[in-house]
Amino acid sequence: MTQALRPNTAGSFFATDGKAHPLQDALTVATLVLGVLSFATSFFHGLHLLTSWTGLLGIIVGMYGQWISETTRERTGLILGLGASGVGFLIGMAHGGLFGGLIG
């Protein structure tokens, strides 16, 4: 008697359905990159424009990614990127905001 081979995802934290999700993976990577960039530049007061804009973009991309995500792996990366983007965005806003010094 032969048994069909199926991936054992029951015990895996990063369970996947075995299908490719190129859009979701691209959104996850983009959110992580934007989050790390926003968080890293938030330590420099003069980079508040870069910090706040990358943070805002990371939040928008990450929220859309959460909306269409299908696996735990994608959602984990998106949440990490969203957290870093949010922290960077808020610190960038505190240092001068999206248009600080350019308008008004």
Protein backbone atom coordinates (compact mmCIF):
# COMPACT_ATOMS: atom_id res chain seq x y z
CA MET A 1 0.00 0.00 0.00
CA THR A 2 1.50 3.32 -1.03
CA GLN A 3 0.94 6.55 0.75
CA ALA A 4 1.00 9.97 -0.89
CA LEU A 5 3.92 12.08 0.28
CA ARG A 6 2.82 15.32 1.86
CA PRO A 7 4.95 17.87 3.66
CA ASN A 8 4.62 17.65 7.42
CA THR A 9 3.63 21.18 8.35
CA ALA A 10 1.68 20.35 11.49
CA GLY A 11 4.64 20.90 13.81
CA SER A 12 6.32 23.67 11.88
CA PHE A 13 6.02 27.27 13.07
CA PHE A 14 6.68 28.50 9.54
CA ALA A 15 4.06 26.26 7.96
CA THR A 16 3.72 26.60 4.23
CA ASP A 17 1.19 25.22 1.82
CA GLY A 18 3.88 24.10 -0.62
CA LYS A 19 2.93 26.69 -3.24
CA ALA A 20 4.91 29.66 -4.51
CA HIS A 21 3.73 33.11 -3.45
CA PRO A 22 5.96 35.55 -5.35
CA LEU A 23 3.89 38.68 -4.66
CA GLN A 24 3.57 37.95 -0.95
CA ASP A 25 7.27 37.12 -0.68
CA ALA A 26 8.22 40.35 -2.48
CA LEU A 27 6.00 42.38 -0.15
CA THR A 28 7.53 40.65 2.87
CA VAL A 29 11.08 41.41 1.72
CA ALA A 30 10.16 45.00 0.82
CA THR A 31 8.56 45.56 4.23
CA LEU A 32 11.58 44.13 6.03
CA VAL A 33 14.03 46.26 4.01
CA LEU A 34 11.99 49.44 4.51
CA GLY A 35 11.60 48.67 8.21
CA VAL A 36 15.30 48.08 8.79
CA LEU A 37 16.20 51.21 6.80
CA SER A 38 13.67 53.32 8.68
CA PHE A 39 14.74 51.98 12.07
CA ALA A 40 18.46 52.34 11.36
CA THR A 41 18.19 55.91 10.09
CA SER A 42 16.00 56.94 13.03
CA PHE A 43 19.14 57.21 15.18
CA PHE A 44 20.32 60.19 13.10
CA HIS A 45 18.35 63.39 13.64
CA GLY A 46 19.27 64.88 10.26
CA LEU A 47 17.82 61.92 8.34
CA HIS A 48 14.26 62.45 9.54
CA LEU A 49 12.93 62.83 5.99
CA LEU A 50 14.34 59.46 4.92
CA THR A 51 13.27 57.89 8.22
CA SER A 52 9.69 59.10 8.16
CA TRP A 53 9.06 58.40 4.46
CA THR A 54 10.55 54.90 4.50
CA GLY A 55 8.63 54.19 7.70
CA LEU A 56 5.35 55.34 6.16
CA LEU A 57 5.97 53.38 2.97
CA GLY A 58 6.93 50.31 5.04
CA ILE A 59 3.68 50.57 6.99
CA ILE A 60 1.58 50.85 3.82
CA VAL A 61 3.36 47.98 2.03
CA GLY A 62 3.28 45.84 5.17
CA MET A 63 -0.42 46.36 5.75
CA TYR A 64 -1.23 45.35 2.17
CA GLY A 65 1.06 42.36 2.56
CA GLN A 66 -0.78 41.32 5.72
CA TRP A 67 -4.07 41.61 3.89
CA ILE A 68 -3.03 39.16 1.15
CA SER A 69 -0.58 36.93 3.07
CA GLU A 70 -1.24 33.22 3.12
CA THR A 71 1.39 31.59 5.35
CA THR A 72 2.78 32.06 8.82
CA ARG A 73 6.25 32.66 7.38
CA GLU A 74 4.99 35.66 5.41
CA ARG A 75 3.05 37.05 8.35
CA THR A 76 6.03 36.74 10.68
CA GLY A 77 8.31 38.72 8.37
CA LEU A 78 5.60 41.29 7.76
CA ILE A 79 5.01 41.86 11.47
CA LEU A 80 8.74 42.33 12.10
CA GLY A 81 8.98 44.79 9.21
CA LEU A 82 5.84 46.62 10.31
CA GLY A 83 7.18 47.01 13.83
CA ALA A 84 10.49 48.41 12.65
CA SER A 85 8.72 50.69 10.16
CA GLY A 86 6.37 51.95 12.83
CA VAL A 87 9.14 52.74 15.29
CA GLY A 88 11.20 54.44 12.59
CA PHE A 89 8.20 56.40 11.35
CA LEU A 90 7.29 57.69 14.80
CA ILE A 91 10.86 58.68 15.65
CA GLY A 92 11.18 60.36 12.23
CA MET A 93 7.99 62.30 12.92
CA ALA A 94 9.34 63.38 16.30
CA HIS A 95 12.57 64.61 14.68
CA GLY A 96 10.89 66.76 12.05
CA GLY A 97 8.29 64.78 10.15
CA LEU A 98 7.57 64.13 6.52
CA PHE A 99 8.11 67.70 5.34
CA GLY A 100 10.09 69.23 8.22
CA GLY A 101 12.01 72.24 6.98
CA LEU A 102 10.88 71.89 3.37
CA ILE A 103 7.41 73.44 3.65
CA GLY A 104 6.62 76.50 5.72
